[in-house]
Amino acid sequence: MDKPTKILLGGIVCASIIASGQLFRNHWLENQLKQIEAECIAEGKTEILEGARLLCNAEDLERLAAQTESLPRLQGGDIIDQVAFAQTNPNAVIVQAKLVFAYREFQAVQANSWPYPVAALIVGISALPWLWYFLLRRIRELRDAIVGKGT
């Protein structure tokens, strides 16, 4: 096997490791999020689950906290209300905080897709030597055919 082919194969292996690492991380975070959601549903805390989803998707957390009085407010609002709710329902605040963190981390990983372009760039750069020598061989064959050399 010649050197350009080895470089190409090395680039493909490296790019596949990077891309599969990103896929594994996405899959792991998604499973972790589903597990926390399943725990909420099993414990009958669907209002906490909905509250966490709203907290992750809303841009104005103060407005959301004012609209959803029945939901625990982790962001904004009156600190006395938060302390009172945390004292009466400590597990609800912890579960919602875990959910909000898991949702935000999952959304950040989904939005951060730099490994895929980097993997494509590695394959493209590692393919250049192979492509160069491939084209040189074809040009030499074309030249030999025009000049009349060959078989």
Protein backbone atom coordinates (compact mmCIF):
# COMPACT_ATOMS: atom_id res chain seq x y z
CA MET A 1 0.00 0.00 0.00
CA ASP A 2 1.45 3.34 -0.98
CA LYS A 3 1.82 6.34 1.31
CA PRO A 4 -1.12 8.48 0.01
CA THR A 5 -3.49 5.55 0.55
CA LYS A 6 -2.24 5.12 4.11
CA ILE A 7 -2.77 8.84 4.76
CA LEU A 8 -6.30 8.63 3.34
CA LEU A 9 -7.19 5.60 5.47
CA GLY A 10 -5.69 7.24 8.57
CA GLY A 11 -7.79 10.34 7.96
CA ILE A 12 -10.94 8.28 7.51
CA VAL A 13 -10.26 6.39 10.76
CA CYS A 14 -9.55 9.62 12.66
CA ALA A 15 -12.68 11.31 11.31
CA SER A 16 -14.84 8.30 12.13
CA ILE A 17 -13.52 8.30 15.72
CA ILE A 18 -14.41 12.00 16.09
CA ALA A 19 -17.88 11.60 14.57
CA SER A 20 -18.69 8.45 16.53
CA GLY A 21 -17.57 10.19 19.75
CA GLN A 22 -20.07 12.98 19.08
CA LEU A 23 -22.81 10.47 18.26
CA PHE A 24 -22.05 8.55 21.46
CA ARG A 25 -22.21 11.74 23.53
CA ASN A 26 -25.55 12.74 21.96
CA HIS A 27 -26.96 9.28 22.59
CA TRP A 28 -25.69 9.21 26.19
CA LEU A 29 -27.16 12.64 27.01
CA GLU A 30 -30.47 11.74 25.41
CA ASN A 31 -30.70 8.54 27.44
CA GLN A 32 -29.80 10.39 30.62
CA LEU A 33 -32.53 12.95 29.92
CA LYS A 34 -35.10 10.22 29.20
CA GLN A 35 -34.15 8.48 32.44
CA ILE A 36 -34.74 11.62 34.51
CA GLU A 37 -38.04 12.22 32.70
CA ALA A 38 -39.10 8.62 33.36
CA GLU A 39 -38.31 9.06 37.07
CA CYS A 40 -40.51 12.18 37.14
CA ILE A 41 -43.37 10.41 35.40
CA ALA A 42 -43.05 7.35 37.64
CA GLU A 43 -43.19 9.54 40.75
CA GLY A 44 -46.18 11.45 39.34
CA LYS A 45 -44.30 14.74 39.07
CA THR A 46 -45.46 15.67 35.60
CA GLU A 47 -45.93 19.31 36.60
CA ILE A 48 -42.23 19.47 37.45
CA LEU A 49 -41.39 17.90 34.11
CA GLU A 50 -43.49 20.46 32.23
CA GLY A 51 -42.02 23.27 34.32
CA ALA A 52 -38.50 22.17 33.47
CA ARG A 53 -39.34 22.03 29.77
CA LEU A 54 -40.78 25.52 29.94
CA LEU A 55 -37.75 26.83 31.82
CA CYS A 56 -35.46 25.45 29.14
CA ASN A 57 -37.39 26.82 26.20
CA ALA A 58 -38.46 30.22 27.52
CA GLU A 59 -36.26 33.24 26.96
CA ASP A 60 -37.86 35.38 29.65
CA LEU A 61 -37.75 33.31 32.83
CA GLU A 62 -39.32 36.06 34.96
CA ARG A 63 -42.38 36.20 32.73
CA LEU A 64 -42.63 32.42 32.78
CA ALA A 65 -42.39 32.26 36.57
CA ALA A 66 -45.18 34.81 36.86
CA GLN A 67 -47.41 32.84 34.48
CA THR A 68 -46.84 29.45 36.11
CA GLU A 69 -47.58 30.01 39.78
CA SER A 70 -48.22 26.30 40.40
CA LEU A 71 -44.75 25.34 39.22
CA PRO A 72 -41.64 25.66 41.35
CA ARG A 73 -39.62 28.69 40.34
CA LEU A 74 -35.88 28.11 40.17
CA GLN A 75 -35.11 31.30 38.24
CA GLY A 76 -36.37 34.72 39.24
CA GLY A 77 -39.39 35.43 41.38
CA ASP A 78 -39.54 36.13 45.08
CA ILE A 79 -36.73 34.48 47.04
CA ILE A 80 -39.04 33.92 50.03
CA ASP A 81 -41.40 31.89 47.83
CA GLN A 82 -38.50 29.85 46.52
CA VAL A 83 -37.18 29.13 50.01
CA ALA A 84 -40.67 28.22 51.24
CA PHE A 85 -41.23 25.88 48.30
CA ALA A 86 -37.76 24.33 48.72
CA GLN A 87 -38.43 23.70 52.42
CA THR A 88 -41.77 22.02 51.78
CA ASN A 89 -40.75 20.13 48.59
CA PRO A 90 -36.97 19.67 48.57
CA ASN A 91 -37.04 16.75 46.14
CA ALA A 92 -39.12 18.67 43.60
CA VAL A 93 -36.55 21.46 43.40
CA ILE A 94 -33.69 18.99 43.04
CA VAL A 95 -35.48 17.01 40.33
CA GLN A 96 -36.40 20.16 38.42
CA ALA A 97 -32.85 21.46 38.70
CA LYS A 98 -31.56 18.15 37.32
CA LEU A 99 -34.07 18.31 34.49
CA VAL A 100 -33.25 21.89 33.59
CA PHE A 101 -29.53 21.11 33.62
CA ALA A 102 -30.03 17.96 31.50
CA TYR A 103 -32.24 19.79 28.98
CA ARG A 104 -29.82 22.67 28.64
CA GLU A 105 -26.81 20.40 28.29
CA PHE A 106 -28.61 18.31 25.65
CA GLN A 107 -29.64 21.44 23.74
CA ALA A 108 -26.08 22.80 23.92
CA VAL A 109 -24.65 19.56 22.54
CA GLN A 110 -27.24 19.50 19.76
CA ALA A 111 -26.40 23.09 18.82
CA ASN A 112 -22.66 22.47 19.03
CA SER A 113 -22.01 20.37 15.96
CA TRP A 114 -18.35 21.22 15.36
CA PRO A 115 -17.12 17.58 15.32
CA TYR A 116 -18.90 16.78 12.06
CA PRO A 117 -17.35 19.59 9.97
CA VAL A 118 -13.96 18.87 11.57
CA ALA A 119 -14.30 15.18 10.65
CA ALA A 120 -15.20 16.12 7.06
CA LEU A 121 -12.24 18.52 6.93
CA ILE A 122 -9.86 15.79 8.14
CA VAL A 123 -11.11 13.41 5.47
CA GLY A 124 -10.81 16.14 2.81
CA ILE A 125 -7.26 17.07 3.79
CA SER A 126 -6.15 13.45 4.06
CA ALA A 127 -7.64 12.74 0.62
CA LEU A 128 -5.55 15.44 -1.09
CA PRO A 129 -2.31 13.38 -1.47
CA TRP A 130 -4.22 10.38 -2.76
CA LEU A 131 -6.21 12.54 -5.20
CA TRP A 132 -3.03 14.28 -6.38
CA TYR A 133 -1.21 11.04 -7.19
CA PHE A 134 -4.36 9.56 -8.71
CA LEU A 135 -4.66 12.53 -11.09
CA LEU A 136 -0.95 12.42 -11.91
CA ARG A 137 -1.30 8.76 -12.95
CA ARG A 138 -4.32 9.58 -15.14
CA ILE A 139 -2.47 12.52 -16.74
CA ARG A 140 0.52 10.26 -17.45
CA GLU A 141 -1.79 7.66 -19.03
CA LEU A 142 -3.39 10.38 -21.16
CA ARG A 143 0.03 11.69 -22.20
CA ASP A 144 1.19 8.17 -23.13
CA ALA A 145 -1.97 7.63 -25.17
CA ILE A 146 -1.46 10.89 -27.08
CA VAL A 147 2.25 10.30 -27.72
CA GLY A 148 1.65 6.69 -28.71
CA LYS A 149 3.59 4.98 -25.97
CA GLY A 150 2.12 2.15 -24.01
CA THR A 151 0.87 -1.33 -24.59
